[in-house]
Protein backbone atom coordinates (compact mmCIF):
# COMPACT_ATOMS: atom_id res chain seq x y z
CA GLU A 1 36.33 101.37 0.00
CA ARG A 2 37.36 100.91 -3.24
CA VAL A 3 34.12 103.05 -4.90
CA VAL A 4 34.83 105.62 -2.59
CA ALA A 5 38.74 105.55 -3.60
CA ASP A 6 37.67 105.56 -7.61
CA LEU A 7 35.82 108.52 -6.65
CA ARG A 8 38.79 110.58 -4.87
CA LYS A 9 40.54 110.07 -8.11
CA ALA A 10 37.87 110.63 -10.12
CA VAL A 11 37.55 114.25 -8.31
CA PHE A 12 40.82 115.03 -7.98
CA GLY A 13 41.26 114.12 -11.84
CA GLN A 14 38.57 116.76 -12.77
CA ILE A 15 39.95 119.45 -10.26
CA LEU A 16 42.80 119.19 -12.11
CA LYS A 17 41.62 120.07 -15.48
CA LEU A 18 39.53 122.52 -14.38
CA ASP A 19 41.02 126.06 -15.80
CA ALA A 20 42.42 128.88 -13.97
CA ALA A 21 39.38 130.91 -13.29
CA PHE A 22 37.84 128.61 -11.02
CA PHE A 23 40.53 128.34 -8.85
CA GLU A 24 40.17 132.91 -9.17
CA VAL A 25 36.91 132.52 -7.61
CA THR A 26 36.67 129.35 -5.80
CA ARG A 27 39.03 129.05 -2.19
CA THR A 28 41.21 126.05 -2.18
CA GLY A 29 40.05 125.26 1.55
CA GLU A 30 36.56 124.46 -0.37
CA VAL A 31 38.01 122.23 -2.85
CA ILE A 32 40.26 120.51 0.00
CA SER A 33 36.64 119.73 1.92
CA ARG A 34 34.81 118.59 -1.29
CA LEU A 35 37.97 116.43 -1.94
CA THR A 36 38.73 114.66 1.60
CA THR A 37 34.73 114.90 3.95
CA ASP A 38 32.23 114.89 0.86
CA THR A 39 34.07 111.55 -0.37
CA THR A 40 34.21 110.75 3.53
CA LEU A 41 30.98 111.04 3.98
CA LEU A 42 29.50 109.44 0.79
CA GLN A 43 31.81 106.58 2.33
CA SER A 44 29.59 105.97 5.46
CA VAL A 45 26.03 106.11 2.71
CA VAL A 46 28.14 103.48 0.45
CA ALA A 47 29.31 101.65 3.55
CA SER A 48 26.49 101.48 5.57
CA THR A 49 22.84 103.16 4.51
CA LEU A 50 23.50 100.85 0.72
CA PRO A 51 23.45 97.15 2.72
CA ILE A 52 21.46 98.13 4.83
CA ALA A 53 18.48 99.06 2.19
CA MET A 54 19.65 95.75 -0.20
CA ARG A 55 18.80 94.17 3.28
CA ASN A 56 15.48 96.03 4.21
CA LEU A 57 14.19 95.20 0.55
CA LEU A 58 14.89 91.34 0.68
CA LEU A 59 12.90 91.82 4.08
CA ILE A 60 10.27 93.94 2.79
CA THR A 61 10.32 91.67 -0.12
CA GLY A 62 9.23 88.44 1.69
CA GLY A 63 7.70 88.95 4.27
CA VAL A 64 4.85 90.79 1.85
CA VAL A 65 5.26 87.76 0.45
CA MET A 66 4.66 85.86 3.80
CA LEU A 67 1.98 87.58 4.96
CA PHE A 68 0.24 87.02 1.45
CA THR A 69 0.22 83.64 1.56
CA THR A 70 -0.66 83.75 5.32
CA SER A 71 -3.63 85.89 5.24
CA PRO A 72 -4.43 87.73 1.79
CA LYS A 73 -7.07 90.17 3.27
CA LEU A 74 -4.18 91.33 5.92
CA THR A 75 -1.38 92.05 3.19
CA LEU A 76 -3.54 94.39 1.16
CA LEU A 77 -4.98 96.20 4.59
CA VAL A 78 -1.31 96.61 4.95
CA LEU A 79 -0.36 97.95 1.47
CA ALA A 80 -3.48 100.53 1.43
CA GLY A 81 -1.40 101.83 3.80
CA VAL A 82 2.48 102.33 2.35
CA PRO A 83 1.17 105.30 0.32
CA LEU A 84 0.42 107.67 4.02
CA VAL A 85 4.19 106.71 5.25
CA LEU A 86 5.63 106.96 1.73
CA LEU A 87 3.82 110.64 1.36
CA PRO A 88 5.80 112.03 4.90
CA VAL A 89 8.68 110.31 4.30
CA TRP A 90 9.62 111.21 0.54
CA SER A 91 8.42 115.26 1.71
CA LEU A 92 10.89 115.36 5.01
CA GLY A 93 13.66 112.82 3.20
CA ARG A 94 13.36 115.51 0.26
CA ARG A 95 14.43 118.28 3.12
CA VAL A 96 17.06 115.63 4.84
CA ARG A 97 18.79 115.67 1.35
CA ARG A 98 18.61 120.06 1.25
CA LEU A 99 19.88 120.81 4.51
CA SER A 100 22.92 117.39 3.46
CA ARG A 101 24.20 119.79 1.12
CA LEU A 102 23.52 122.64 3.45
CA SER A 103 25.63 121.03 5.62
CA GLN A 104 28.36 119.99 3.54
CA ASP A 105 28.49 124.09 2.14
CA ARG A 106 28.47 125.39 5.99
CA ILE A 107 32.00 123.08 6.00
CA ALA A 108 33.36 123.32 3.32
CA ASP A 109 33.19 127.45 4.18
CA VAL A 110 34.61 126.24 7.42
CA ALA A 111 37.59 124.57 5.92
CA ALA A 112 37.73 127.10 3.64
CA ASN A 113 38.32 130.19 6.34
CA VAL A 114 41.36 128.11 8.01
CA ASP A 115 43.49 127.71 5.12
CA GLU A 116 42.68 131.21 3.81
CA VAL A 117 43.93 132.14 7.58
CA VAL A 118 46.97 129.74 8.46
CA HIS A 119 48.54 130.21 5.03
CA GLY A 120 48.54 133.67 5.60
CA ILE A 121 49.09 133.70 9.00
CA ARG A 122 52.14 135.72 8.88
CA THR A 123 50.24 138.79 7.31
CA VAL A 124 47.45 138.11 10.13
CA GLN A 125 49.68 138.20 13.04
CA ALA A 126 51.17 141.18 11.46
CA PHE A 127 48.49 143.00 11.18
CA CYS A 128 47.44 141.87 14.56
CA HIS A 129 43.99 140.08 13.17
CA GLU A 130 43.56 137.15 15.28
CA THR A 131 40.75 138.84 17.19
CA THR A 132 38.79 139.27 13.85
CA ASP A 133 39.76 136.01 12.08
CA ARG A 134 38.93 134.02 15.42
CA HIS A 135 35.29 135.59 14.97
CA ALA A 136 34.70 134.78 11.44
CA TYR A 137 35.60 131.26 12.03
CA ASP A 138 33.10 131.45 15.40
CA GLY A 139 30.39 132.33 12.56
CA HIS A 140 31.68 130.30 9.85
CA VAL A 141 31.48 127.02 12.74
CA ASP A 142 28.06 128.49 13.86
CA ALA A 143 26.37 128.34 10.31
CA ALA A 144 28.00 124.80 10.13
CA PHE A 145 26.15 124.38 13.69
CA VAL A 146 22.54 125.24 13.44
CA THR A 147 22.23 123.95 10.12
CA ALA A 148 23.50 120.56 11.50
CA THR A 149 21.21 120.50 14.03
CA ARG A 150 18.62 120.79 12.24
CA ARG A 151 19.26 118.36 9.84
CA ALA A 152 19.26 116.30 12.77
CA ARG A 153 16.11 117.69 13.54
CA ILE A 154 14.03 116.49 10.58
CA SER A 155 15.96 113.22 10.53
CA ALA A 156 14.88 112.17 13.66
CA THR A 157 11.53 113.58 12.82
CA LEU A 158 11.55 111.21 10.02
CA ALA A 159 12.75 108.15 11.20
CA GLY A 160 10.29 108.74 14.39
CA GLY A 161 7.47 109.08 12.09
CA VAL A 162 8.63 105.94 10.15
CA MET A 163 8.61 103.87 13.34
CA LEU A 164 5.07 105.60 14.76
CA PHE A 165 3.24 104.62 11.29
CA THR A 166 5.15 100.70 11.26
CA PHE A 167 4.04 100.05 14.83
CA GLY A 168 0.43 101.60 14.00
CA ALA A 169 0.13 99.24 10.91
CA VAL A 170 1.23 96.64 13.19
CA GLY A 171 -1.74 97.68 15.88
CA ILE A 172 -4.47 97.45 13.13
CA VAL A 173 -2.93 94.35 11.58
CA LEU A 174 -3.11 92.91 15.05
CA TRP A 175 -6.71 94.02 15.69
CA PHE A 176 -8.52 93.10 12.63
CA GLY A 177 -6.17 89.75 12.88
CA GLY A 178 -7.56 89.32 16.23
CA ARG A 179 -11.54 89.55 14.72
CA ASP A 180 -10.34 87.54 12.19
CA VAL A 181 -9.09 84.81 15.62
CA LEU A 182 -12.59 85.68 17.06
CA ASP A 183 -14.46 84.94 14.37
CA GLY A 184 -12.63 81.11 13.51
CA GLN A 185 -11.33 82.02 10.41
CA MET A 186 -7.83 82.80 11.69
CA SER A 187 -6.01 80.69 14.07
CA GLY A 188 -3.76 81.97 16.48
CA GLY A 189 -0.62 81.00 14.84
CA GLU A 190 -1.39 82.29 12.19
CA LEU A 191 -2.33 85.68 13.17
CA SER A 192 1.15 85.76 15.68
CA VAL A 193 3.05 85.26 12.33
CA ALA A 194 1.21 87.98 10.63
CA GLY A 195 2.24 90.34 13.53
CA ALA A 196 5.74 89.03 13.29
CA LEU A 197 6.55 89.70 9.59
CA ASN A 198 4.80 93.36 10.09
CA VAL A 199 7.21 93.52 12.29
CA GLY A 200 10.14 92.43 10.92
CA ASN A 201 8.96 94.21 7.85
CA GLY A 202 8.88 97.82 9.86
């Protein structure tokens, strides 16, 4: 909460320092949207995503150490598959970030349109411009919707891909570990620990 509050103060302070030419080409509603909606999005990232990422990093580090202690061969097998997971995640992650920026831009367009119409409502009503402005607003909302659904679709693909690779890795580890158990190189309990550590790391 403190990070977001400080960020809002810093952004507003920066807005006050901008010259008049900036406000001639930038709509007031867009500035307000950046100050409120964008910082709210950052709040969700800082408050939820960052702690989860830190927790998962600790889990992965501890899991790899424990897995290496249990079976170095299975650990190397898991680590060999990491690049196969990271490449698609990196590629899809870049697309999600780009679409997230576009989604915020479209939301800013909606806010800017509302600000213009509401501030000039007397002029809008005097010239019977309500229908035109409603259609323009609908167009901005539809554009925001299309961008948001594209972002959600790619995010879902990213999450599904990560889950598929994770459980695929667990299946491979259990298969190789099962062969080691049958050959007497590993106990069933050690295999159970290795499988549980893989699931935990996923």
